[in-house]
Amino acid sequence: MQMIPIKPLQPLDAQIILPGSKSFTQRALIIAALASGSSLVKGALFSEDTAYLARALQLLGADIKRQQGNMVIQGTGGRIKNPRQDLYLENNGTALRLLTTVVCLGSGPFVLTGTHRLLERPVHSLLKALNSQGVKASGKDKEGFPPVLIEAQGLQGGSITLDRIESSQYVSSLLISAPYGREDLRLRLEGPVVSRPYIDMTVGVMRDFGAEVVTPGADYYQVSHQSRYLGRTYAIEGDVSSASYFFLAAALGHGRVQAGPVFPHTRQGDIGFLDILKQCGHKVRIGESEVEVIGGDPVAGEKSFDLGDMPDMVPSLAVLAACRPGRTIIRNVAHLRLKESNRLEALVNELGKTGIESRETDDGLIITGGRPHGAEIETYKDHRIAMSFAILGLTTPGIFIKDPDCVQKSFPGFWQALDAL
């Protein structure tokens, strides 16, 4: 297995141009593929995840072309083609869940599948909701898990209640395809909802493309089946999740990093990581289209953070906690056990290699900060484990990252950006 060393770097003073947001890119691609007419998605992220999604959308009838740093999509108008072959999505859980409802708009059998790890990620509640819509939806080999088998004959619409919401992607999946149902969708959510900002992002992109979505009450969404998506020019903002690694670098190295394009009122929930940095003693300045972080002396003592709305920030916070004097409690992220890796277990294992004490709880982690030392970091084919521990290596000599190519999933230019520092 390939392994690369990370060279310590101090002081740090850098400006970073961010890749496009993966979350925005995937939603915009799917909605543009459903739209009538042509769309130009500017600043789209080109990564492993978005490439598998684009191939699947092409099989479903959309025409997608890369044009310099943009994507041009000729939409289907909601008329989904049956490719008569499996839609392989590698380990792209977002694409699998969002497309599970999209293919219901077609006719006949569809199979959505991917890597062994993707097949371990549950979709039970989404399949149950689709069955209530007159779709025959099931796990092809194991009930509630991919490969997903859909016997499609359109979506009915009407009233749905989701009460076991292991992922906000279930909600986004039902919302995105709702304009093409036979009647309006009335979707109620019951119980706790993780990663809620991603639902707000979905609703925002839907509205941007012309859908009528109203929220008459808390956890209640209505989507008009008479409002269809129309092709348009759509600009993708920078990926705040990717920015977090460089903000972390500034914090650990008492340096300065400016990153953009990031906007003050972004719908990306991971912007909340900046509040965590401020609570831990670092300075943050948010401009019109960029964010600047200046590392300070870390605040000592016990701190507790609820990361239910920004679970992708847990690896970054874990590395920050490893270098901060005191105990850090991370809560409300039990669903991280179902991501690209079991991230909670992975973080405990790799922090332990660097000499940092940590342990899993029912819904998160407890980390006791100290002085990490060098180690060979296993990445578990998980891009976020690789990138967060690479940043640790900027201030901790002797960090080696195994399987560095796993960052292709979300940030193909990560190592080049790190070298440019």
Protein backbone atom coordinates (compact mmCIF):
# COMPACT_ATOMS: atom_id res chain seq x y z
CA MET A 1 0.00 0.00 0.00
CA GLN A 2 1.24 3.47 -0.88
CA MET A 3 2.20 5.69 2.06
CA ILE A 4 3.37 9.30 2.09
CA PRO A 5 5.19 11.33 4.77
CA ILE A 6 3.82 14.66 5.95
CA LYS A 7 6.41 17.39 6.40
CA PRO A 8 5.93 19.70 9.39
CA LEU A 9 5.31 23.30 8.39
CA GLN A 10 5.59 26.41 10.54
CA PRO A 11 4.75 29.22 10.37
CA LEU A 12 1.72 29.00 8.09
CA ASP A 13 0.46 31.97 6.05
CA ALA A 14 -1.61 30.92 3.05
CA GLN A 15 -4.53 31.61 0.74
CA ILE A 16 -6.55 28.63 -0.51
CA ILE A 17 -8.90 28.46 -3.49
CA LEU A 18 -11.46 25.80 -2.59
CA PRO A 19 -12.95 23.13 -4.84
CA GLY A 20 -16.69 23.29 -5.40
CA SER A 21 -18.95 21.97 -2.67
CA LYS A 22 -19.57 18.24 -3.09
CA SER A 23 -22.98 18.47 -1.44
CA PHE A 24 -24.14 21.33 -3.65
CA THR A 25 -22.65 19.74 -6.79
CA GLN A 26 -24.46 16.42 -6.29
CA ARG A 27 -27.82 18.07 -5.63
CA ALA A 28 -27.44 20.46 -8.56
CA LEU A 29 -26.45 17.65 -10.94
CA ILE A 30 -29.46 15.51 -10.03
CA ILE A 31 -31.93 18.37 -10.17
CA ALA A 32 -30.48 19.66 -13.47
CA ALA A 33 -30.78 16.11 -14.85
CA LEU A 34 -34.48 16.11 -13.91
CA ALA A 35 -35.08 19.61 -15.27
CA SER A 36 -36.44 20.63 -18.65
CA GLY A 37 -33.85 22.29 -20.83
CA SER A 38 -30.13 22.86 -20.41
CA SER A 39 -28.24 23.86 -17.27
CA LEU A 40 -24.74 25.21 -16.79
CA VAL A 41 -23.36 24.24 -13.39
CA LYS A 42 -20.39 26.54 -12.78
CA GLY A 43 -17.57 25.65 -10.41
CA ALA A 44 -18.78 22.05 -10.03
CA LEU A 45 -16.62 19.63 -8.08
CA PHE A 46 -14.91 17.02 -10.25
CA SER A 47 -14.15 14.11 -7.93
CA GLU A 48 -14.60 10.37 -7.68
CA ASP A 49 -18.04 10.75 -6.10
CA THR A 50 -19.37 13.23 -8.65
CA ALA A 51 -17.96 11.17 -11.54
CA TYR A 52 -19.91 8.06 -10.47
CA LEU A 53 -23.04 10.16 -10.02
CA ALA A 54 -22.65 11.78 -13.47
CA ARG A 55 -22.25 8.36 -15.13
CA ALA A 56 -25.41 7.12 -13.42
CA LEU A 57 -27.37 10.19 -14.52
CA GLN A 58 -26.19 9.66 -18.09
CA LEU A 59 -27.48 6.09 -17.96
CA LEU A 60 -30.81 7.50 -16.80
CA GLY A 61 -31.03 9.72 -19.89
CA ALA A 62 -29.35 13.02 -19.03
CA ASP A 63 -26.64 14.40 -21.32
CA ILE A 64 -23.70 15.66 -19.23
CA LYS A 65 -20.57 17.25 -20.63
CA ARG A 66 -17.56 18.72 -18.89
CA GLN A 67 -16.76 22.24 -20.08
CA GLN A 68 -13.54 23.54 -18.53
CA GLY A 69 -14.38 23.91 -14.82
CA ASN A 70 -18.12 23.61 -15.40
CA MET A 71 -20.72 21.00 -16.30
CA VAL A 72 -23.38 21.33 -19.00
CA ILE A 73 -26.46 19.16 -18.40
CA GLN A 74 -29.31 18.54 -20.81
CA GLY A 75 -32.16 17.48 -18.56
CA THR A 76 -34.71 14.73 -18.99
CA GLY A 77 -37.79 16.71 -18.00
CA GLY A 78 -38.41 14.01 -15.41
CA ARG A 79 -38.64 11.25 -18.03
CA ILE A 80 -36.22 8.65 -16.69
CA LYS A 81 -34.69 6.08 -19.04
CA ASN A 82 -34.24 2.49 -17.87
CA PRO A 83 -30.63 1.54 -18.72
CA ARG A 84 -31.23 -2.22 -18.23
CA GLN A 85 -28.01 -2.43 -16.23
CA ASP A 86 -27.02 -1.83 -12.62
CA LEU A 87 -26.24 1.73 -11.52
CA TYR A 88 -22.85 1.34 -9.82
CA LEU A 89 -22.08 4.18 -7.40
CA GLU A 90 -18.85 2.92 -5.77
CA ASN A 91 -19.02 4.21 -2.14
CA ASN A 92 -21.16 7.29 -2.82
CA GLY A 93 -23.89 6.96 -0.21
CA THR A 94 -25.44 10.33 -1.03
CA ALA A 95 -25.87 9.40 -4.71
CA LEU A 96 -27.33 6.00 -3.90
CA ARG A 97 -29.94 7.41 -1.54
CA LEU A 98 -30.91 10.37 -3.73
CA LEU A 99 -31.12 8.28 -6.89
CA THR A 100 -33.18 5.58 -5.16
CA THR A 101 -36.20 7.88 -5.40
CA VAL A 102 -35.21 9.36 -8.79
CA VAL A 103 -35.36 5.95 -10.51
CA CYS A 104 -38.92 5.51 -9.21
CA LEU A 105 -39.91 8.07 -11.85
CA GLY A 106 -38.96 5.55 -14.54
CA SER A 107 -40.54 2.25 -15.50
CA GLY A 108 -39.45 -1.30 -14.78
CA PRO A 109 -36.64 -2.70 -12.62
CA PHE A 110 -33.66 -0.62 -11.49
CA VAL A 111 -30.74 -1.84 -9.34
CA LEU A 112 -28.46 0.56 -7.46
CA THR A 113 -25.27 -0.90 -6.04
CA GLY A 114 -21.66 -0.18 -5.09
CA THR A 115 -18.71 -1.31 -3.00
CA HIS A 116 -18.90 -3.74 -0.08
CA ARG A 117 -18.87 -0.78 2.33
CA LEU A 118 -21.76 0.92 0.53
CA LEU A 119 -23.77 -2.29 0.85
CA GLU A 120 -23.41 -2.00 4.65
CA ARG A 121 -25.07 1.43 4.78
CA PRO A 122 -28.80 1.18 5.64
CA VAL A 123 -31.71 2.50 3.57
CA HIS A 124 -34.59 0.76 5.38
CA SER A 125 -36.66 3.85 6.21
CA LEU A 126 -36.35 5.24 2.69
CA LEU A 127 -37.49 1.96 1.12
CA LYS A 128 -40.42 1.79 3.55
CA ALA A 129 -41.49 5.32 2.54
CA LEU A 130 -41.26 4.48 -1.16
CA ASN A 131 -43.37 1.35 -0.72
CA SER A 132 -46.05 3.61 0.74
CA GLN A 133 -45.90 5.51 -2.58
CA GLY A 134 -46.91 2.47 -4.61
CA VAL A 135 -43.33 1.56 -5.53
CA LYS A 136 -41.94 -1.92 -4.99
CA ALA A 137 -38.66 -1.08 -3.22
CA SER A 138 -36.47 -3.63 -1.46
CA GLY A 139 -32.96 -4.68 -0.58
CA LYS A 140 -31.98 -7.09 -3.35
CA ASP A 141 -29.84 -9.33 -1.14
CA LYS A 142 -30.65 -8.16 2.40
CA GLU A 143 -33.76 -6.32 3.51
CA GLY A 144 -33.08 -2.65 4.25
CA PHE A 145 -29.64 -2.55 2.63
CA PRO A 146 -28.19 -2.08 -0.87
CA PRO A 147 -28.12 -3.35 -3.54
CA VAL A 148 -31.47 -1.58 -3.89
CA LEU A 149 -34.06 -3.07 -6.23
CA ILE A 150 -36.79 -0.72 -7.45
CA GLU A 151 -39.76 -1.88 -9.53
CA ALA A 152 -40.68 1.55 -10.84
CA GLN A 153 -44.01 2.83 -12.10
CA GLY A 154 -43.88 6.48 -11.05
CA LEU A 155 -44.40 8.21 -7.70
CA GLN A 156 -47.85 8.70 -6.24
CA GLY A 157 -47.11 11.62 -3.92
CA GLY A 158 -49.43 12.31 -1.02
CA SER A 159 -48.69 12.02 2.69
CA ILE A 160 -45.55 10.37 4.07
CA THR A 161 -44.27 10.23 7.64
CA LEU A 162 -40.62 9.41 8.30
CA ASP A 163 -40.00 8.29 11.86
CA ARG A 164 -36.66 6.46 11.69
CA ILE A 165 -34.33 9.01 10.17
CA GLU A 166 -30.84 7.53 10.26
CA SER A 167 -29.80 9.97 7.54
CA SER A 168 -31.02 13.36 6.33
CA GLN A 169 -30.43 11.97 2.83
CA TYR A 170 -33.70 10.00 3.12
CA VAL A 171 -35.53 13.31 3.43
CA SER A 172 -33.59 14.93 0.59
CA SER A 173 -34.25 11.91 -1.62
CA LEU A 174 -38.02 12.12 -1.22
CA LEU A 175 -38.05 15.91 -1.65
CA ILE A 176 -35.93 16.09 -4.82
CA SER A 177 -38.16 13.81 -6.90
CA ALA A 178 -41.46 15.09 -5.47
CA PRO A 179 -42.22 17.63 -8.23
CA TYR A 180 -42.73 14.66 -10.60
CA GLY A 181 -45.23 12.79 -8.44
CA ARG A 182 -48.89 12.38 -9.38
CA GLU A 183 -49.95 14.61 -6.50
CA ASP A 184 -48.34 17.00 -4.02
CA LEU A 185 -45.96 15.52 -1.47
CA ARG A 186 -46.75 16.16 2.19
CA LEU A 187 -43.77 14.96 4.22
CA ARG A 188 -43.69 14.90 8.02
CA LEU A 189 -40.62 14.08 10.10
CA GLU A 190 -40.94 12.55 13.55
CA GLY A 191 -38.14 12.09 16.06
CA PRO A 192 -34.60 13.47 15.97
CA VAL A 193 -33.13 14.48 12.60
CA VAL A 194 -29.36 14.39 12.03
CA SER A 195 -27.53 16.66 9.59
CA ARG A 196 -30.52 18.98 9.29
CA PRO A 197 -28.62 21.72 7.35
CA TYR A 198 -28.34 19.30 4.41
CA ILE A 199 -32.14 19.22 4.16
CA ASP A 200 -32.17 23.02 4.09
CA MET A 201 -29.55 22.88 1.34
CA THR A 202 -31.70 20.48 -0.69
CA VAL A 203 -34.76 22.70 -0.35
CA GLY A 204 -32.70 25.72 -1.39
CA VAL A 205 -31.40 24.08 -4.57
CA MET A 206 -34.90 22.81 -5.43
CA ARG A 207 -36.29 26.33 -5.14
CA ASP A 208 -33.40 27.74 -7.17
CA PHE A 209 -34.41 25.44 -10.05
CA GLY A 210 -38.09 26.39 -9.82
CA ALA A 211 -39.77 23.92 -7.47
CA GLU A 212 -42.44 25.10 -5.05
CA VAL A 213 -41.50 23.91 -1.56
CA VAL A 214 -43.23 25.25 1.54
CA THR A 215 -42.71 24.43 5.20
CA PRO A 216 -46.00 25.17 6.96
CA GLY A 217 -44.70 23.82 10.27
CA ALA A 218 -41.64 22.43 11.97
CA ASP A 219 -40.52 19.19 10.29
CA TYR A 220 -43.30 19.43 7.69
CA TYR A 221 -42.63 19.92 3.97
CA GLN A 222 -45.02 20.32 1.06
CA VAL A 223 -43.86 20.06 -2.56
CA SER A 224 -46.15 20.94 -5.47
CA HIS A 225 -46.33 18.32 -8.22
CA GLN A 226 -47.18 21.08 -10.69
CA SER A 227 -43.89 22.93 -10.22
CA ARG A 228 -41.20 21.37 -12.38
CA TYR A 229 -37.48 22.11 -12.55
CA LEU A 230 -36.24 24.39 -15.32
CA GLY A 231 -32.68 24.43 -16.62
CA ARG A 232 -30.58 27.41 -15.56
CA THR A 233 -27.07 28.64 -14.85
CA TYR A 234 -26.09 27.65 -11.33
CA ALA A 235 -22.91 28.60 -9.46
CA ILE A 236 -21.43 26.20 -6.89
CA GLU A 237 -19.74 27.79 -3.89
CA GLY A 238 -16.55 26.50 -2.30
CA ASP A 239 -16.65 23.39 -0.14
CA VAL A 240 -16.63 24.34 3.54
CA SER A 241 -15.89 20.73 4.54
CA SER A 242 -12.69 20.89 2.48
CA ALA A 243 -11.88 24.32 3.91
CA SER A 244 -12.04 22.94 7.45
CA TYR A 245 -8.73 21.11 7.03
CA PHE A 246 -6.91 24.33 6.27
CA PHE A 247 -8.70 26.19 9.05
CA LEU A 248 -7.52 23.38 11.32
CA ALA A 249 -3.97 23.86 10.01
CA ALA A 250 -4.05 27.53 10.98
CA ALA A 251 -5.34 26.65 14.45
CA LEU A 252 -2.76 23.96 15.15
CA GLY A 253 0.16 25.94 13.74
CA HIS A 254 -0.61 29.39 15.16
CA GLY A 255 -0.77 30.51 11.53
CA ARG A 256 -3.14 32.26 9.14
CA VAL A 257 -5.25 30.77 6.35
CA GLN A 258 -7.71 32.55 4.08
CA ALA A 259 -10.03 30.36 2.00
CA GLY A 260 -12.77 31.03 -0.55
CA PRO A 261 -15.19 31.21 -2.15
CA VAL A 262 -17.19 30.87 1.08
CA PHE A 263 -20.19 33.08 1.74
CA PRO A 264 -21.44 34.36 5.13
CA HIS A 265 -24.95 32.94 4.74
CA THR A 266 -23.99 29.60 3.22
CA ARG A 267 -26.40 26.70 3.65
CA GLN A 268 -23.44 24.40 4.34
CA GLY A 269 -23.80 23.27 7.94
CA ASP A 270 -20.06 22.69 8.31
CA ILE A 271 -19.59 26.46 8.57
CA GLY A 272 -20.39 25.81 12.24
CA PHE A 273 -16.83 24.51 12.65
CA LEU A 274 -15.75 28.16 12.77
CA ASP A 275 -17.71 28.64 16.01
CA ILE A 276 -15.87 25.66 17.49
CA LEU A 277 -12.54 27.19 16.51
CA LYS A 278 -13.51 30.46 18.21
CA GLN A 279 -14.54 28.63 21.39
CA CYS A 280 -11.16 26.91 21.37
CA GLY A 281 -9.20 30.18 21.27
CA HIS A 282 -8.73 30.95 17.57
CA LYS A 283 -9.70 34.05 15.60
CA VAL A 284 -12.14 33.96 12.70
CA ARG A 285 -12.96 36.68 10.18
CA ILE A 286 -15.78 36.16 7.67
CA GLY A 287 -15.68 38.40 4.61
CA GLU A 288 -18.01 38.79 1.65
CA SER A 289 -16.69 35.69 -0.11
CA GLU A 290 -13.87 34.32 2.04
CA VAL A 291 -13.05 33.19 5.55
CA GLU A 292 -9.83 33.81 7.44
CA VAL A 293 -8.67 31.84 10.48
CA ILE A 294 -5.76 32.90 12.68
CA GLY A 295 -4.50 30.36 15.17
CA GLY A 296 -4.16 31.39 18.81
CA ASP A 297 -3.31 29.78 22.12
CA PRO A 298 -5.77 26.90 22.65
CA VAL A 299 -8.25 27.24 25.48
CA ALA A 300 -7.70 24.56 28.13
CA GLY A 301 -10.28 22.61 30.10
CA GLU A 302 -13.26 20.40 29.31
CA LYS A 303 -15.46 21.27 26.36
CA SER A 304 -18.49 19.49 24.91
CA PHE A 305 -19.77 19.84 21.35
CA ASP A 306 -22.94 18.56 19.64
CA LEU A 307 -21.98 17.81 16.03
CA GLY A 308 -25.29 16.29 14.93
CA ASP A 309 -25.68 19.00 12.29
CA MET A 310 -22.11 18.73 10.98
CA PRO A 311 -20.90 15.14 11.40
CA ASP A 312 -18.23 15.48 8.69
CA MET A 313 -16.39 17.86 11.02
CA VAL A 314 -15.79 15.17 13.64
CA PRO A 315 -12.38 14.07 12.24
CA SER A 316 -11.21 17.70 12.13
CA LEU A 317 -12.46 18.33 15.67
CA ALA A 318 -10.86 15.09 16.87
CA VAL A 319 -7.45 16.24 15.64
CA LEU A 320 -8.01 19.69 17.16
CA ALA A 321 -8.97 18.02 20.45
CA ALA A 322 -5.85 15.85 20.37
CA CYS A 323 -3.69 18.98 20.54
CA ARG A 324 -5.79 20.98 23.03
CA PRO A 325 -5.11 20.66 26.77
CA GLY A 326 -8.20 19.23 28.40
CA ARG A 327 -10.98 16.81 27.62
CA THR A 328 -13.25 17.16 24.56
CA ILE A 329 -16.62 15.45 24.39
CA ILE A 330 -18.20 15.00 20.93
CA ARG A 331 -21.92 14.16 21.01
CA ASN A 332 -24.84 13.17 18.76
CA VAL A 333 -22.83 11.49 15.99
CA ALA A 334 -23.59 7.79 16.43
CA HIS A 335 -24.43 7.64 12.69
CA LEU A 336 -20.72 8.12 11.90
CA ARG A 337 -20.38 4.37 12.39
CA LEU A 338 -22.21 4.07 9.03
CA LYS A 339 -20.09 6.43 6.92
CA GLU A 340 -17.27 5.56 4.47
CA SER A 341 -15.68 3.86 7.46
CA ASN A 342 -16.76 3.41 11.06
CA ARG A 343 -15.32 6.84 11.76
CA LEU A 344 -15.65 6.71 15.53
CA GLU A 345 -13.72 3.46 15.75
CA ALA A 346 -11.19 4.66 13.17
CA LEU A 347 -10.50 7.89 15.06
CA VAL A 348 -9.97 6.09 18.38
CA ASN A 349 -7.58 3.64 16.70
CA GLU A 350 -5.50 6.29 14.94
CA LEU A 351 -5.42 8.78 17.80
CA GLY A 352 -4.17 5.94 19.97
CA LYS A 353 -1.26 5.36 17.59
CA THR A 354 -0.20 8.98 18.16
CA GLY A 355 -0.31 8.57 21.96
CA ILE A 356 -3.64 10.35 22.50
CA GLU A 357 -6.20 8.81 24.83
CA SER A 358 -9.74 8.59 23.45
CA ARG A 359 -12.74 6.31 23.64
CA GLU A 360 -16.09 5.78 21.99
CA THR A 361 -19.36 6.54 23.73
CA ASP A 362 -22.85 5.52 22.61
CA ASP A 363 -23.18 8.65 20.50
CA GLY A 364 -19.68 10.01 20.02
CA LEU A 365 -16.17 10.34 21.41
CA ILE A 366 -14.27 11.54 24.46
CA ILE A 367 -10.73 12.73 23.71
CA THR A 368 -8.10 13.79 26.23
CA GLY A 369 -5.68 16.20 24.59
CA GLY A 370 -1.93 16.07 24.91
CA ARG A 371 1.15 16.02 22.70
CA PRO A 372 0.72 13.63 19.77
CA HIS A 373 3.73 11.86 18.34
CA GLY A 374 4.41 10.46 14.88
CA ALA A 375 2.66 7.35 13.58
CA GLU A 376 1.63 5.52 10.43
CA ILE A 377 -2.04 6.41 9.92
CA GLU A 378 -4.44 3.85 8.46
CA THR A 379 -7.13 5.66 6.48
CA TYR A 380 -9.74 2.88 6.03
CA LYS A 381 -10.36 4.17 2.48
CA ASP A 382 -11.93 7.21 4.15
CA HIS A 383 -11.02 10.59 2.70
CA ARG A 384 -11.80 12.51 5.88
CA ILE A 385 -9.54 10.37 8.04
CA ALA A 386 -6.70 10.91 5.56
CA MET A 387 -7.08 14.68 5.34
CA SER A 388 -7.54 15.39 9.04
CA PHE A 389 -4.49 13.38 10.10
CA ALA A 390 -2.45 14.90 7.28
CA ILE A 391 -3.06 18.28 8.93
CA LEU A 392 -1.87 16.85 12.24
CA GLY A 393 1.38 16.05 10.44
CA LEU A 394 1.98 19.74 9.72
CA THR A 395 2.77 20.26 13.42
CA THR A 396 3.63 16.72 14.54
CA PRO A 397 6.79 15.18 13.04
CA GLY A 398 6.68 11.59 11.84
CA ILE A 399 3.11 11.33 10.51
CA PHE A 400 2.69 9.02 7.51
CA ILE A 401 -0.60 8.62 5.64
CA LYS A 402 -1.48 5.26 4.08
CA ASP A 403 -3.59 5.01 0.91
CA PRO A 404 -3.45 8.76 0.17
CA ASP A 405 -5.46 8.38 -3.04
CA CYS A 406 -8.66 7.94 -1.03
CA VAL A 407 -8.98 11.76 -1.04
CA GLN A 408 -10.09 11.47 -4.69
CA LYS A 409 -13.59 10.89 -3.32
CA SER A 410 -14.11 14.54 -2.41
CA PHE A 411 -10.93 16.62 -2.87
CA PRO A 412 -8.68 15.33 -5.68
CA GLY A 413 -6.36 18.33 -5.37
CA PHE A 414 -5.82 18.00 -1.61
CA TRP A 415 -2.19 16.87 -1.70
CA GLN A 416 -1.27 19.55 -4.22
CA ALA A 417 -2.96 22.17 -2.01
CA LEU A 418 -1.05 20.86 1.00
CA ASP A 419 2.24 21.01 -0.92
CA ALA A 420 1.45 24.58 -1.98
CA LEU A 421 1.39 25.67 1.66
